[in-house]
């Protein structure tokens, strides 16, 4: 999750993910132009938080809250877990 220490929605998103039992990595964009540039490139957005589950861009806090409310978070977590376990073509060629 790309976030800022000064953003209340970032705190809401962190709390919601913790309530759902989801572990996450925090990437602060405060005083970090490279992280902010990466966030904008990956998400196409300039606001925080920007939340990714694996390679899937969830969006901001409102998007995360809607995903949880619709019951879609467990399915997305499972899909991304399975994607992470799949070998890549390169790793298959090296075996």
Protein backbone atom coordinates (compact mmCIF):
# COMPACT_ATOMS: atom_id res chain seq x y z
CA UNK A 1 0.00 0.00 0.00
CA UNK A 2 1.32 3.40 -0.98
CA UNK A 3 0.46 5.85 1.77
CA UNK A 4 1.23 9.03 3.64
CA UNK A 5 1.50 9.45 7.39
CA UNK A 6 -0.65 12.58 7.09
CA UNK A 7 -3.57 10.89 5.30
CA UNK A 8 -6.61 9.82 7.35
CA UNK A 9 -7.83 7.50 4.58
CA UNK A 10 -4.48 5.69 4.71
CA UNK A 11 -5.06 5.02 8.40
CA UNK A 12 -8.61 3.82 7.64
CA UNK A 13 -7.27 1.46 4.95
CA UNK A 14 -4.59 0.07 7.27
CA UNK A 15 -7.17 -0.54 9.98
CA UNK A 16 -9.56 -2.25 7.55
CA UNK A 17 -6.84 -4.54 6.20
CA UNK A 18 -5.76 -5.44 9.74
CA UNK A 19 -9.38 -6.19 10.69
CA UNK A 20 -9.54 -8.54 7.69
CA UNK A 21 -6.32 -10.26 8.81
CA UNK A 22 -4.41 -9.11 5.74
CA UNK A 23 -0.68 -8.52 6.01
CA UNK A 24 0.63 -5.66 3.90
CA UNK A 25 3.72 -3.64 3.11
CA UNK A 26 3.65 0.12 3.61
CA UNK A 27 5.39 2.27 1.01
CA UNK A 28 5.44 5.86 2.22
CA UNK A 29 5.35 8.57 -0.42
CA UNK A 30 6.18 11.23 2.17
CA UNK A 31 9.41 12.93 1.10
CA UNK A 32 10.04 10.06 -1.35
CA UNK A 33 9.67 11.21 -4.95
CA UNK A 34 10.68 7.82 -6.36
CA UNK A 35 7.93 6.02 -4.41
CA UNK A 36 5.38 8.65 -5.46
CA UNK A 37 6.43 8.35 -9.12
CA UNK A 38 6.19 4.56 -8.92
CA UNK A 39 2.73 4.80 -7.33
CA UNK A 40 1.49 7.17 -10.04
CA UNK A 41 2.92 4.98 -12.79
CA UNK A 42 1.41 1.77 -11.39
CA UNK A 43 -1.97 3.19 -10.39
CA UNK A 44 -2.51 6.10 -12.75
CA UNK A 45 -3.54 8.12 -9.70
CA UNK A 46 -1.90 10.85 -7.63
CA UNK A 47 -3.79 10.36 -4.36
CA UNK A 48 -3.10 8.08 -1.41
CA UNK A 49 -3.70 5.44 -0.37
CA UNK A 50 -3.19 3.28 -3.42
CA UNK A 51 -3.70 -0.37 -2.57
CA UNK A 52 -2.45 -3.37 -4.51
CA UNK A 53 -3.22 -7.00 -3.78
CA UNK A 54 -0.41 -8.80 -5.57
CA UNK A 55 -0.37 -7.22 -9.01
CA UNK A 56 -4.04 -6.18 -8.89
CA UNK A 57 -4.69 -2.50 -8.28
CA UNK A 58 -7.61 -2.24 -5.85
CA UNK A 59 -7.62 1.56 -5.73
CA UNK A 60 -8.03 3.82 -2.74
CA UNK A 61 -9.77 3.41 0.60
CA UNK A 62 -13.29 3.72 -0.84
CA UNK A 63 -12.49 1.01 -3.40
CA UNK A 64 -11.07 -1.27 -0.70
CA UNK A 65 -14.08 -0.68 1.54
CA UNK A 66 -16.46 -1.51 -1.34
CA UNK A 67 -14.48 -4.67 -2.14
CA UNK A 68 -14.68 -5.82 1.49
CA UNK A 69 -18.38 -4.90 1.70
CA UNK A 70 -19.15 -6.91 -1.43
CA UNK A 71 -17.29 -9.93 -0.04
CA UNK A 72 -14.70 -9.85 -2.81
CA UNK A 73 -11.52 -9.57 -0.75
CA UNK A 74 -11.06 -13.29 0.08
CA UNK A 75 -11.42 -14.28 -3.58
CA UNK A 76 -8.93 -11.66 -4.72
CA UNK A 77 -6.45 -12.72 -2.04
CA UNK A 78 -6.76 -16.35 -3.12
CA UNK A 79 -6.40 -15.49 -6.81
CA UNK A 80 -3.24 -13.48 -6.17
CA UNK A 81 -1.85 -16.19 -3.88
CA UNK A 82 -2.30 -18.73 -6.67
CA UNK A 83 -0.73 -16.37 -9.22
CA UNK A 84 2.30 -15.93 -6.95
CA UNK A 85 2.74 -19.71 -6.75
CA UNK A 86 2.63 -20.28 -10.52
CA UNK A 87 6.06 -20.71 -12.11
CA UNK A 88 7.03 -18.24 -14.79
CA UNK A 89 8.04 -19.30 -18.30
CA UNK A 90 11.64 -18.34 -17.52
CA UNK A 91 11.77 -20.52 -14.42
CA UNK A 92 10.32 -23.44 -16.39
CA UNK A 93 13.00 -23.05 -19.06
CA UNK A 94 15.74 -23.07 -16.42
CA UNK A 95 14.62 -26.39 -14.88
